[in-house]
PDB file of all heavy atoms in Angstrom:
ATOM      1  N   SER A   1     -72.251  73.106 -92.792  1.00  0.00           N
ATOM      2  CA  SER A   1     -71.497  74.334 -92.930  1.00  0.00           C
ATOM      3  C   SER A   1     -71.859  75.388 -91.941  1.00  0.00           C
ATOM      4  O   SER A   1     -71.105  76.340 -91.680  1.00  0.00           O
ATOM      5  CB  SER A   1     -71.670  74.862 -94.379  1.00  0.00           C
ATOM      6  OG  SER A   1     -73.093  75.126 -94.618  1.00  0.00           O
ATOM      7  N   VAL A   2     -73.081  75.305 -91.336  1.00  0.00           N
ATOM      8  CA  VAL A   2     -73.519  76.310 -90.386  1.00  0.00           C
ATOM      9  C   VAL A   2     -73.721  75.797 -88.958  1.00  0.00           C
ATOM     10  O   VAL A   2     -73.961  76.582 -88.048  1.00  0.00           O
ATOM     11  CB  VAL A   2     -74.780  76.984 -90.904  1.00  0.00           C
ATOM     12  CG1 VAL A   2     -74.612  77.532 -92.282  1.00  0.00           C
ATOM     13  CG2 VAL A   2     -75.959  76.066 -90.811  1.00  0.00           C
ATOM     14  N   LYS A   3     -73.672  74.515 -88.814  1.00  0.00           N
ATOM     15  CA  LYS A   3     -73.961  73.943 -87.522  1.00  0.00           C
ATOM     16  C   LYS A   3     -72.981  74.456 -86.440  1.00  0.00           C
ATOM     17  O   LYS A   3     -71.784  74.510 -86.686  1.00  0.00           O
ATOM     18  CB  LYS A   3     -73.882  72.434 -87.552  1.00  0.00           C
ATOM     19  CG  LYS A   3     -74.432  71.674 -86.328  1.00  0.00           C
ATOM     20  CD  LYS A   3     -74.502  70.199 -86.563  1.00  0.00           C
ATOM     21  CE  LYS A   3     -75.182  69.488 -85.422  1.00  0.00           C
ATOM     22  NZ  LYS A   3     -75.300  68.031 -85.580  1.00  0.00           N
ATOM     23  N   GLY A   4     -73.519  74.874 -85.289  1.00  0.00           N
ATOM     24  CA  GLY A   4     -72.713  75.461 -84.246  1.00  0.00           C
ATOM     25  C   GLY A   4     -72.570  76.981 -84.356  1.00  0.00           C
ATOM     26  O   GLY A   4     -72.177  77.590 -83.353  1.00  0.00           O
ATOM     27  N   ARG A   5     -72.937  77.504 -85.493  1.00  0.00           N
ATOM     28  CA  ARG A   5     -72.865  78.998 -85.673  1.00  0.00           C
ATOM     29  C   ARG A   5     -74.222  79.623 -85.823  1.00  0.00           C
ATOM     30  O   ARG A   5     -74.442  80.755 -85.428  1.00  0.00           O
ATOM     31  CB  ARG A   5     -71.993  79.345 -86.882  1.00  0.00           C
ATOM     32  CG  ARG A   5     -70.566  78.889 -86.791  1.00  0.00           C
ATOM     33  CD  ARG A   5     -69.693  79.459 -87.920  1.00  0.00           C
ATOM     34  NE  ARG A   5     -70.135  78.925 -89.203  1.00  0.00           N
ATOM     35  CZ  ARG A   5     -70.572  79.739 -90.180  1.00  0.00           C
ATOM     36  NH1 ARG A   5     -70.580  81.038 -90.063  1.00  0.00           N
ATOM     37  NH2 ARG A   5     -70.958  79.221 -91.359  1.00  0.00           N
ATOM     38  N   PHE A   6     -75.125  78.885 -86.514  1.00  0.00           N
ATOM     39  CA  PHE A   6     -76.460  79.397 -86.738  1.00  0.00           C
ATOM     40  C   PHE A   6     -77.491  78.708 -85.881  1.00  0.00           C
ATOM     41  O   PHE A   6     -77.324  77.567 -85.559  1.00  0.00           O
ATOM     42  CB  PHE A   6     -76.850  79.200 -88.217  1.00  0.00           C
ATOM     43  CG  PHE A   6     -76.094  79.986 -89.229  1.00  0.00           C
ATOM     44  CD1 PHE A   6     -74.939  80.750 -88.889  1.00  0.00           C
ATOM     45  CD2 PHE A   6     -76.523  80.024 -90.551  1.00  0.00           C
ATOM     46  CE1 PHE A   6     -74.264  81.463 -89.816  1.00  0.00           C
ATOM     47  CE2 PHE A   6     -75.817  80.742 -91.532  1.00  0.00           C
ATOM     48  CZ  PHE A   6     -74.700  81.475 -91.147  1.00  0.00           C
ATOM     49  N   THR A   7     -78.549  79.445 -85.557  1.00  0.00           N
ATOM     50  CA  THR A   7     -79.614  78.869 -84.754  1.00  0.00           C
ATOM     51  C   THR A   7     -80.969  79.252 -85.405  1.00  0.00           C
ATOM     52  O   THR A   7     -81.207  80.496 -85.565  1.00  0.00           O
ATOM     53  CB  THR A   7     -79.602  79.305 -83.322  1.00  0.00           C
ATOM     54  OG1 THR A   7     -78.320  78.991 -82.721  1.00  0.00           O
ATOM     55  CG2 THR A   7     -80.704  78.705 -82.497  1.00  0.00           C
ATOM     56  N   ILE A   8     -81.801  78.297 -85.658  1.00  0.00           N
ATOM     57  CA  ILE A   8     -83.121  78.552 -86.148  1.00  0.00           C
ATOM     58  C   ILE A   8     -84.120  78.423 -85.022  1.00  0.00           C
ATOM     59  O   ILE A   8     -83.987  77.603 -84.161  1.00  0.00           O
ATOM     60  CB  ILE A   8     -83.519  77.587 -87.338  1.00  0.00           C
ATOM     61  CG1 ILE A   8     -84.789  78.004 -87.987  1.00  0.00           C
ATOM     62  CG2 ILE A   8     -83.520  76.154 -86.868  1.00  0.00           C
ATOM     63  CD1 ILE A   8     -85.149  77.237 -89.252  1.00  0.00           C
ATOM     64  N   SER A   9     -85.125  79.338 -85.033  1.00  0.00           N
ATOM     65  CA  SER A   9     -86.136  79.301 -84.025  1.00  0.00           C
ATOM     66  C   SER A   9     -87.432  79.820 -84.534  1.00  0.00           C
ATOM     67  O   SER A   9     -87.458  80.407 -85.655  1.00  0.00           O
ATOM     68  CB  SER A   9     -85.707  80.139 -82.753  1.00  0.00           C
ATOM     69  OG  SER A   9     -85.523  81.509 -83.129  1.00  0.00           O
ATOM     70  N   ARG A  10     -88.515  79.605 -83.806  1.00  0.00           N
ATOM     71  CA  ARG A  10     -89.802  80.124 -84.298  1.00  0.00           C
ATOM     72  C   ARG A  10     -90.567  80.658 -83.100  1.00  0.00           C
ATOM     73  O   ARG A  10     -90.482  80.214 -81.999  1.00  0.00           O
ATOM     74  CB  ARG A  10     -90.563  79.039 -85.065  1.00  0.00           C
ATOM     75  CG  ARG A  10     -91.131  77.924 -84.209  1.00  0.00           C
ATOM     76  CD  ARG A  10     -91.714  76.839 -85.138  1.00  0.00           C
ATOM     77  NE  ARG A  10     -92.724  77.302 -86.024  1.00  0.00           N
ATOM     78  CZ  ARG A  10     -93.084  76.682 -87.156  1.00  0.00           C
ATOM     79  NH1 ARG A  10     -92.502  75.536 -87.495  1.00  0.00           N
ATOM     80  NH2 ARG A  10     -94.041  77.171 -87.947  1.00  0.00           N
ATOM     81  N   ASP A  11     -91.445  81.645 -83.402  1.00  0.00           N
ATOM     82  CA  ASP A  11     -92.322  82.226 -82.426  1.00  0.00           C
ATOM     83  C   ASP A  11     -93.719  82.146 -83.013  1.00  0.00           C
ATOM     84  O   ASP A  11     -94.120  82.965 -83.845  1.00  0.00           O
ATOM     85  CB  ASP A  11     -91.943  83.683 -82.147  1.00  0.00           C
ATOM     86  CG  ASP A  11     -92.711  84.293 -81.040  1.00  0.00           C
ATOM     87  OD1 ASP A  11     -93.867  83.829 -80.782  1.00  0.00           O
ATOM     88  OD2 ASP A  11     -92.250  85.247 -80.401  1.00  0.00           O
ATOM     89  N   GLY A  12     -94.452  81.150 -82.588  1.00  0.00           N
ATOM     90  CA  GLY A  12     -95.778  80.896 -83.116  1.00  0.00           C
ATOM     91  C   GLY A  12     -96.738  82.066 -82.928  1.00  0.00           C
ATOM     92  O   GLY A  12     -97.556  82.404 -83.784  1.00  0.00           O
ATOM     93  N   ALA A  13     -96.650  82.723 -81.770  1.00  0.00           N
ATOM     94  CA  ALA A  13     -97.506  83.851 -81.460  1.00  0.00           C
ATOM     95  C   ALA A  13     -97.302  84.979 -82.389  1.00  0.00           C
ATOM     96  O   ALA A  13     -98.239  85.763 -82.671  1.00  0.00           O
ATOM     97  CB  ALA A  13     -97.253  84.287 -79.986  1.00  0.00           C
ATOM     98  N   LYS A  14     -96.070  85.149 -82.919  1.00  0.00           N
ATOM     99  CA  LYS A  14     -95.762  86.249 -83.875  1.00  0.00           C
ATOM    100  C   LYS A  14     -95.739  85.812 -85.269  1.00  0.00           C
ATOM    101  O   LYS A  14     -95.521  86.629 -86.161  1.00  0.00           O
ATOM    102  CB  LYS A  14     -94.382  86.837 -83.520  1.00  0.00           C
ATOM    103  CG  LYS A  14     -94.349  87.481 -82.118  1.00  0.00           C
ATOM    104  CD  LYS A  14     -92.968  88.035 -81.867  1.00  0.00           C
ATOM    105  CE  LYS A  14     -92.898  88.742 -80.476  1.00  0.00           C
ATOM    106  NZ  LYS A  14     -91.546  89.271 -80.188  1.00  0.00           N
ATOM    107  N   ASN A  15     -96.001  84.487 -85.536  1.00  0.00           N
ATOM    108  CA  ASN A  15     -95.935  83.934 -86.876  1.00  0.00           C
ATOM    109  C   ASN A  15     -94.596  84.283 -87.578  1.00  0.00           C
ATOM    110  O   ASN A  15     -94.576  84.740 -88.720  1.00  0.00           O
ATOM    111  CB  ASN A  15     -97.090  84.447 -87.747  1.00  0.00           C
ATOM    112  CG  ASN A  15     -98.383  83.728 -87.395  1.00  0.00           C
ATOM    113  OD1 ASN A  15     -98.394  82.638 -86.815  1.00  0.00           O
ATOM    114  ND2 ASN A  15     -99.512  84.351 -87.763  1.00  0.00           N
ATOM    115  N   THR A  16     -93.514  84.097 -86.826  1.00  0.00           N
ATOM    116  CA  THR A  16     -92.237  84.496 -87.316  1.00  0.00           C
ATOM    117  C   THR A  16     -91.173  83.422 -87.016  1.00  0.00           C
ATOM    118  O   THR A  16     -91.254  82.817 -85.946  1.00  0.00           O
ATOM    119  CB  THR A  16     -91.808  85.791 -86.649  1.00  0.00           C
ATOM    120  OG1 THR A  16     -92.735  86.841 -86.983  1.00  0.00           O
ATOM    121  CG2 THR A  16     -90.410  86.249 -87.131  1.00  0.00           C
ATOM    122  N   ILE A  17     -90.296  83.193 -87.938  1.00  0.00           N
ATOM    123  CA  ILE A  17     -89.127  82.370 -87.673  1.00  0.00           C
ATOM    124  C   ILE A  17     -87.858  83.200 -87.771  1.00  0.00           C
ATOM    125  O   ILE A  17     -87.879  84.229 -88.461  1.00  0.00           O
ATOM    126  CB  ILE A  17     -88.995  81.107 -88.567  1.00  0.00           C
ATOM    127  CG1 ILE A  17     -88.779  81.532 -90.024  1.00  0.00           C
ATOM    128  CG2 ILE A  17     -90.226  80.220 -88.417  1.00  0.00           C
ATOM    129  CD1 ILE A  17     -88.361  80.340 -90.874  1.00  0.00           C
ATOM    130  N   TYR A  18     -86.814  82.786 -87.151  1.00  0.00           N
ATOM    131  CA  TYR A  18     -85.588  83.555 -87.094  1.00  0.00           C
ATOM    132  C   TYR A  18     -84.414  82.644 -87.486  1.00  0.00           C
ATOM    133  O   TYR A  18     -84.452  81.449 -87.306  1.00  0.00           O
ATOM    134  CB  TYR A  18     -85.327  84.121 -85.721  1.00  0.00           C
ATOM    135  CG  TYR A  18     -86.459  84.926 -85.181  1.00  0.00           C
ATOM    136  CD1 TYR A  18     -87.472  84.384 -84.390  1.00  0.00           C
ATOM    137  CD2 TYR A  18     -86.535  86.309 -85.480  1.00  0.00           C
ATOM    138  CE1 TYR A  18     -88.492  85.163 -83.911  1.00  0.00           C
ATOM    139  CE2 TYR A  18     -87.611  87.048 -84.996  1.00  0.00           C
ATOM    140  CZ  TYR A  18     -88.618  86.458 -84.220  1.00  0.00           C
ATOM    141  OH  TYR A  18     -89.618  87.253 -83.730  1.00  0.00           O
ATOM    142  N   LEU A  19     -83.360  83.323 -87.950  1.00  0.00           N
ATOM    143  CA  LEU A  19     -82.097  82.642 -88.141  1.00  0.00           C
ATOM    144  C   LEU A  19     -81.039  83.538 -87.521  1.00  0.00           C
ATOM    145  O   LEU A  19     -80.682  84.575 -88.072  1.00  0.00           O
ATOM    146  CB  LEU A  19     -81.776  82.374 -89.594  1.00  0.00           C
ATOM    147  CG  LEU A  19     -80.512  81.566 -89.906  1.00  0.00           C
ATOM    148  CD1 LEU A  19     -80.742  80.110 -89.409  1.00  0.00           C
ATOM    149  CD2 LEU A  19     -80.172  81.592 -91.397  1.00  0.00           C
ATOM    150  N   GLN A  20     -80.550  83.112 -86.366  1.00  0.00           N
ATOM    151  CA  GLN A  20     -79.497  83.840 -85.702  1.00  0.00           C
ATOM    152  C   GLN A  20     -78.178  83.335 -86.261  1.00  0.00           C
ATOM    153  O   GLN A  20     -77.851  82.146 -86.185  1.00  0.00           O
ATOM    154  CB  GLN A  20     -79.513  83.595 -84.161  1.00  0.00           C
ATOM    155  CG  GLN A  20     -78.352  84.280 -83.415  1.00  0.00           C
ATOM    156  CD  GLN A  20     -78.448  85.750 -83.478  1.00  0.00           C
ATOM    157  OE1 GLN A  20     -79.505  86.328 -83.267  1.00  0.00           O
ATOM    158  NE2 GLN A  20     -77.316  86.400 -83.697  1.00  0.00           N
ATOM    159  N   MET A  21     -77.361  84.261 -86.848  1.00  0.00           N
ATOM    160  CA  MET A  21     -76.149  83.871 -87.505  1.00  0.00           C
ATOM    161  C   MET A  21     -74.980  84.534 -86.745  1.00  0.00           C
ATOM    162  O   MET A  21     -74.869  85.727 -86.719  1.00  0.00           O
ATOM    163  CB  MET A  21     -76.158  84.337 -88.968  1.00  0.00           C
ATOM    164  CG  MET A  21     -77.336  83.806 -89.749  1.00  0.00           C
ATOM    165  SD  MET A  21     -77.261  84.247 -91.497  1.00  0.00           S
ATOM    166  CE  MET A  21     -77.411  86.037 -91.376  1.00  0.00           C
ATOM    167  N   ASN A  22     -74.117  83.729 -86.217  1.00  0.00           N
ATOM    168  CA  ASN A  22     -72.952  84.209 -85.497  1.00  0.00           C
ATOM    169  C   ASN A  22     -71.672  83.756 -86.177  1.00  0.00           C
ATOM    170  O   ASN A  22     -71.704  82.856 -87.008  1.00  0.00           O
ATOM    171  CB  ASN A  22     -72.903  83.658 -84.034  1.00  0.00           C
ATOM    172  CG  ASN A  22     -74.081  84.095 -83.240  1.00  0.00           C
ATOM    173  OD1 ASN A  22     -74.612  85.201 -83.401  1.00  0.00           O
ATOM    174  ND2 ASN A  22     -74.553  83.239 -82.312  1.00  0.00           N
ATOM    175  N   SER A  23     -70.600  84.425 -85.874  1.00  0.00           N
ATOM    176  CA  SER A  23     -69.249  84.087 -86.440  1.00  0.00           C
ATOM    177  C   SER A  23     -69.339  84.052 -87.939  1.00  0.00           C
ATOM    178  O   SER A  23     -68.874  83.047 -88.591  1.00  0.00           O
ATOM    179  CB  SER A  23     -68.728  82.805 -85.849  1.00  0.00           C
ATOM    180  OG  SER A  23     -68.605  82.865 -84.442  1.00  0.00           O
ATOM    181  N   LEU A  24     -69.934  84.984 -88.568  1.00  0.00           N
ATOM    182  CA  LEU A  24     -70.094  84.974 -90.003  1.00  0.00           C
ATOM    183  C   LEU A  24     -68.806  84.966 -90.804  1.00  0.00           C
ATOM    184  O   LEU A  24     -67.845  85.560 -90.392  1.00  0.00           O
ATOM    185  CB  LEU A  24     -70.964  86.118 -90.430  1.00  0.00           C
ATOM    186  CG  LEU A  24     -72.466  85.984 -90.154  1.00  0.00           C
ATOM    187  CD1 LEU A  24     -73.143  87.348 -90.201  1.00  0.00           C
ATOM    188  CD2 LEU A  24     -73.091  85.042 -91.190  1.00  0.00           C
ATOM    189  N   LYS A  25     -68.823  84.199 -91.897  1.00  0.00           N
ATOM    190  CA  LYS A  25     -67.669  84.047 -92.755  1.00  0.00           C
ATOM    191  C   LYS A  25     -68.009  84.577 -94.123  1.00  0.00           C
ATOM    192  O   LYS A  25     -69.148  84.639 -94.551  1.00  0.00           O
ATOM    193  CB  LYS A  25     -67.280  82.558 -92.832  1.00  0.00           C
ATOM    194  CG  LYS A  25     -67.050  81.922 -91.497  1.00  0.00           C
ATOM    195  CD  LYS A  25     -66.813  80.401 -91.706  1.00  0.00           C
ATOM    196  CE  LYS A  25     -66.578  79.697 -90.393  1.00  0.00           C
ATOM    197  NZ  LYS A  25     -66.387  78.204 -90.556  1.00  0.00           N
ATOM    198  N   PRO A  26     -66.982  84.961 -94.916  1.00  0.00           N
ATOM    199  CA  PRO A  26     -67.240  85.410 -96.294  1.00  0.00           C
ATOM    200  C   PRO A  26     -68.070  84.377 -97.096  1.00  0.00           C
ATOM    201  O   PRO A  26     -68.826  84.760 -97.912  1.00  0.00           O
ATOM    202  CB  PRO A  26     -65.824  85.610 -96.836  1.00  0.00           C
ATOM    203  CG  PRO A  26     -65.007  85.991 -95.677  1.00  0.00           C
ATOM    204  CD  PRO A  26     -65.547  85.167 -94.561  1.00  0.00           C
ATOM    205  N   GLU A  27     -67.804  83.103 -96.875  1.00  0.00           N
ATOM    206  CA  GLU A  27     -68.583  82.056 -97.558  1.00  0.00           C
ATOM    207  C   GLU A  27     -69.999  81.961 -97.215  1.00  0.00           C
ATOM    208  O   GLU A  27     -70.758  81.253 -97.841  1.00  0.00           O
ATOM    209  CB  GLU A  27     -67.904  80.687 -97.411  1.00  0.00           C
ATOM    210  CG  GLU A  27     -67.601  80.307 -95.961  1.00  0.00           C
ATOM    211  CD  GLU A  27     -66.168  80.599 -95.544  1.00  0.00           C
ATOM    212  OE1 GLU A  27     -65.672  81.681 -95.854  1.00  0.00           O
ATOM    213  OE2 GLU A  27     -65.582  79.707 -94.897  1.00  0.00           O
ATOM    214  N   ASP A  28     -70.437  82.699 -96.194  1.00  0.00           N
ATOM    215  CA  ASP A  28     -71.864  82.790 -95.853  1.00  0.00           C
ATOM    216  C   ASP A  28     -72.580  83.823 -96.744  1.00  0.00           C
ATOM    217  O   ASP A  28     -73.798  83.917 -96.671  1.00  0.00           O
ATOM    218  CB  ASP A  28     -72.054  83.158 -94.416  1.00  0.00           C
ATOM    219  CG  ASP A  28     -71.550  82.124 -93.452  1.00  0.00           C
ATOM    220  OD1 ASP A  28     -71.757  80.894 -93.720  1.00  0.00           O
ATOM    221  OD2 ASP A  28     -70.956  82.497 -92.430  1.00  0.00           O
ATOM    222  N   THR A  29     -71.847  84.549 -97.573  1.00  0.00           N
ATOM    223  CA  THR A  29     -72.431  85.540 -98.435  1.00  0.00           C
ATOM    224  C   THR A  29     -73.433  84.914 -99.409  1.00  0.00           C
ATOM    225  O   THR A  29     -72.998  84.014-100.116  1.00  0.00           O
ATOM    226  CB  THR A  29     -71.384  86.324 -99.183  1.00  0.00           C
ATOM    227  OG1 THR A  29     -70.585  87.087 -98.273  1.00  0.00           O
ATOM    228  CG2 THR A  29     -71.993  87.304-100.223  1.00  0.00           C
ATOM    229  N   ALA A  30     -74.634  85.367 -99.409  1.00  0.00           N
ATOM    230  CA  ALA A  30     -75.697  84.795-100.238  1.00  0.00           C
ATOM    231  C   ALA A  30     -76.989  85.521-100.034  1.00  0.00           C
ATOM    232  O   ALA A  30     -77.109  86.346 -99.174  1.00  0.00           O
ATOM    233  CB  ALA A  30     -75.901  83.294 -99.904  1.00  0.00           C
ATOM    234  N   VAL A  31     -77.947  85.232-100.910  1.00  0.00           N
ATOM    235  CA  VAL A  31     -79.304  85.644-100.673  1.00  0.00           C
ATOM    236  C   VAL A  31     -79.966  84.541 -99.847  1.00  0.00           C
ATOM    237  O   VAL A  31     -79.893  83.359-100.228  1.00  0.00           O
ATOM    238  CB  VAL A  31     -80.120  85.826-101.972  1.00  0.00           C
ATOM    239  CG1 VAL A  31     -81.553  86.158-101.703  1.00  0.00           C
ATOM    240  CG2 VAL A  31     -79.493  86.952-102.810  1.00  0.00           C
ATOM    241  N   TYR A  32     -80.543  84.896 -98.707  1.00  0.00           N
ATOM    242  CA  TYR A  32     -81.189  83.960 -97.821  1.00  0.00           C
ATOM    243  C   TYR A  32     -82.669  83.944 -97.992  1.00  0.00           C
ATOM    244  O   TYR A  32     -83.314  84.990 -97.982  1.00  0.00           O
ATOM    245  CB  TYR A  32     -80.828  84.261 -96.408  1.00  0.00           C
ATOM    246  CG  TYR A  32     -79.413  83.860 -96.038  1.00  0.00           C
ATOM    247  CD1 TYR A  32     -78.321  84.517 -96.536  1.00  0.00           C
ATOM    248  CD2 TYR A  32     -79.174  82.757 -95.161  1.00  0.00           C
ATOM    249  CE1 TYR A  32     -77.011  84.114 -96.249  1.00  0.00           C
ATOM    250  CE2 TYR A  32     -77.891  82.349 -94.887  1.00  0.00           C
ATOM    251  CZ  TYR A  32     -76.809  83.019 -95.435  1.00  0.00           C
ATOM    252  OH  TYR A  32     -75.522  82.643 -95.084  1.00  0.00           O
ATOM    253  N   TYR A  33     -83.232  82.709 -98.173  1.00  0.00           N
ATOM    254  CA  TYR A  33     -84.656  82.592 -98.430  1.00  0.00           C
ATOM    255  C   TYR A  33     -85.327  81.822 -97.303  1.00  0.00           C
ATOM    256  O   TYR A  33     -84.802  80.807 -96.829  1.00  0.00           O
ATOM    257  CB  TYR A  33     -84.859  81.806 -99.744  1.00  0.00           C
ATOM    258  CG  TYR A  33     -84.396  82.487-101.010  1.00  0.00           C
ATOM    259  CD1 TYR A  33     -83.124  82.311-101.466  1.00  0.00           C
ATOM    260  CD2 TYR A  33     -85.196  83.391-101.661  1.00  0.00           C
ATOM    261  CE1 TYR A  33     -82.654  82.902-102.548  1.00  0.00           C
ATOM    262  CE2 TYR A  33     -84.760  84.000-102.788  1.00  0.00           C
ATOM    263  CZ  TYR A  33     -83.474  83.765-103.255  1.00  0.00           C
ATOM    264  OH  TYR A  33     -83.052  84.423-104.398  1.00  0.00           O
ATOM    265  N   CYS A  34     -86.463  82.266 -96.915  1.00  0.00           N
ATOM    266  CA  CYS A  34     -87.358  81.577 -96.014  1.00  0.00           C
ATOM    267  C   CYS A  34     -88.331  80.699 -96.825  1.00  0.00           C
ATOM    268  O   CYS A  34     -88.778  81.138 -97.902  1.00  0.00           O
ATOM    269  CB  CYS A  34     -88.112  82.597 -95.142  1.00  0.00           C
ATOM    270  SG  CYS A  34     -89.320  81.892 -93.994  1.00  0.00           S
ATOM    271  N   ALA A  35     -88.622  79.539 -96.319  1.00  0.00           N
ATOM    272  CA  ALA A  35     -89.507  78.598 -96.987  1.00  0.00           C
ATOM    273  C   ALA A  35     -90.446  77.900 -96.035  1.00  0.00           C
ATOM    274  O   ALA A  35     -90.126  77.715 -94.868  1.00  0.00           O
ATOM    275  CB  ALA A  35     -88.715  77.588 -97.775  1.00  0.00           C
ATOM    276  N   ALA A  36     -91.603  77.478 -96.513  1.00  0.00           N
ATOM    277  CA  ALA A  36     -92.632  76.780 -95.717  1.00  0.00           C
ATOM    278  C   ALA A  36     -93.115  75.620 -96.489  1.00  0.00           C
ATOM    279  O   ALA A  36     -93.252  75.663 -97.739  1.00  0.00           O
ATOM    280  CB  ALA A  36     -93.723  77.734 -95.332  1.00  0.00           C
ATOM    281  N   ASP A  37     -93.445  74.518 -95.842  1.00  0.00           N
ATOM    282  CA  ASP A  37     -93.929  73.313 -96.451  1.00  0.00           C
ATOM    283  C   ASP A  37     -95.047  72.674 -95.656  1.00  0.00           C
ATOM    284  O   ASP A  37     -95.017  72.678 -94.411  1.00  0.00           O
ATOM    285  CB  ASP A  37     -92.767  72.286 -96.584  1.00  0.00           C
ATOM    286  CG  ASP A  37     -93.096  71.161 -97.526  1.00  0.00           C
ATOM    287  OD1 ASP A  37     -93.024  71.391 -98.796  1.00  0.00           O
ATOM    288  OD2 ASP A  37     -93.436  70.090 -97.085  1.00  0.00           O
ATOM    289  N   ARG A  38     -96.026  72.189 -96.395  1.00  0.00           N
ATOM    290  CA  ARG A  38     -97.239  71.562 -95.776  1.00  0.00           C
ATOM    291  C   ARG A  38     -96.959  70.189 -95.183  1.00  0.00           C
ATOM    292  O   ARG A  38     -97.758  69.707 -94.352  1.00  0.00           O
ATOM    293  CB  ARG A  38     -98.362  71.483 -96.810  1.00  0.00           C
ATOM    294  CG  ARG A  38     -98.869  72.797 -97.340  1.00  0.00           C
ATOM    295  CD  ARG A  38     -99.820  72.540 -98.522  1.00  0.00           C
ATOM    296  NE  ARG A  38     -99.137  71.935 -99.604  1.00  0.00           N
ATOM    297  CZ  ARG A  38     -99.757  71.539-100.760  1.00  0.00           C
ATOM    298  NH1 ARG A  38    -101.037  71.651-100.855  1.00  0.00           N
ATOM    299  NH2 ARG A  38     -99.044  70.990-101.688  1.00  0.00           N
ATOM    300  N   GLY A  39     -95.947  69.528 -95.644  1.00  0.00           N
ATOM    301  CA  GLY A  39     -95.713  68.184 -95.259  1.00  0.00           C
ATOM    302  C   GLY A  39     -95.260  68.038 -93.756  1.00  0.00           C
ATOM    303  O   GLY A  39     -94.753  69.016 -93.224  1.00  0.00           O
TER     304      GLY A  39
END
């Protein structure tokens, strides 16, 4: 649903990840959660 519009990236030096969201649609409306996993 988001491929080609959204881009995920990370900056290890800043301990930060990003989600660049372009061409947003009404169906993108939601609460967005960041998650981390040890695996």
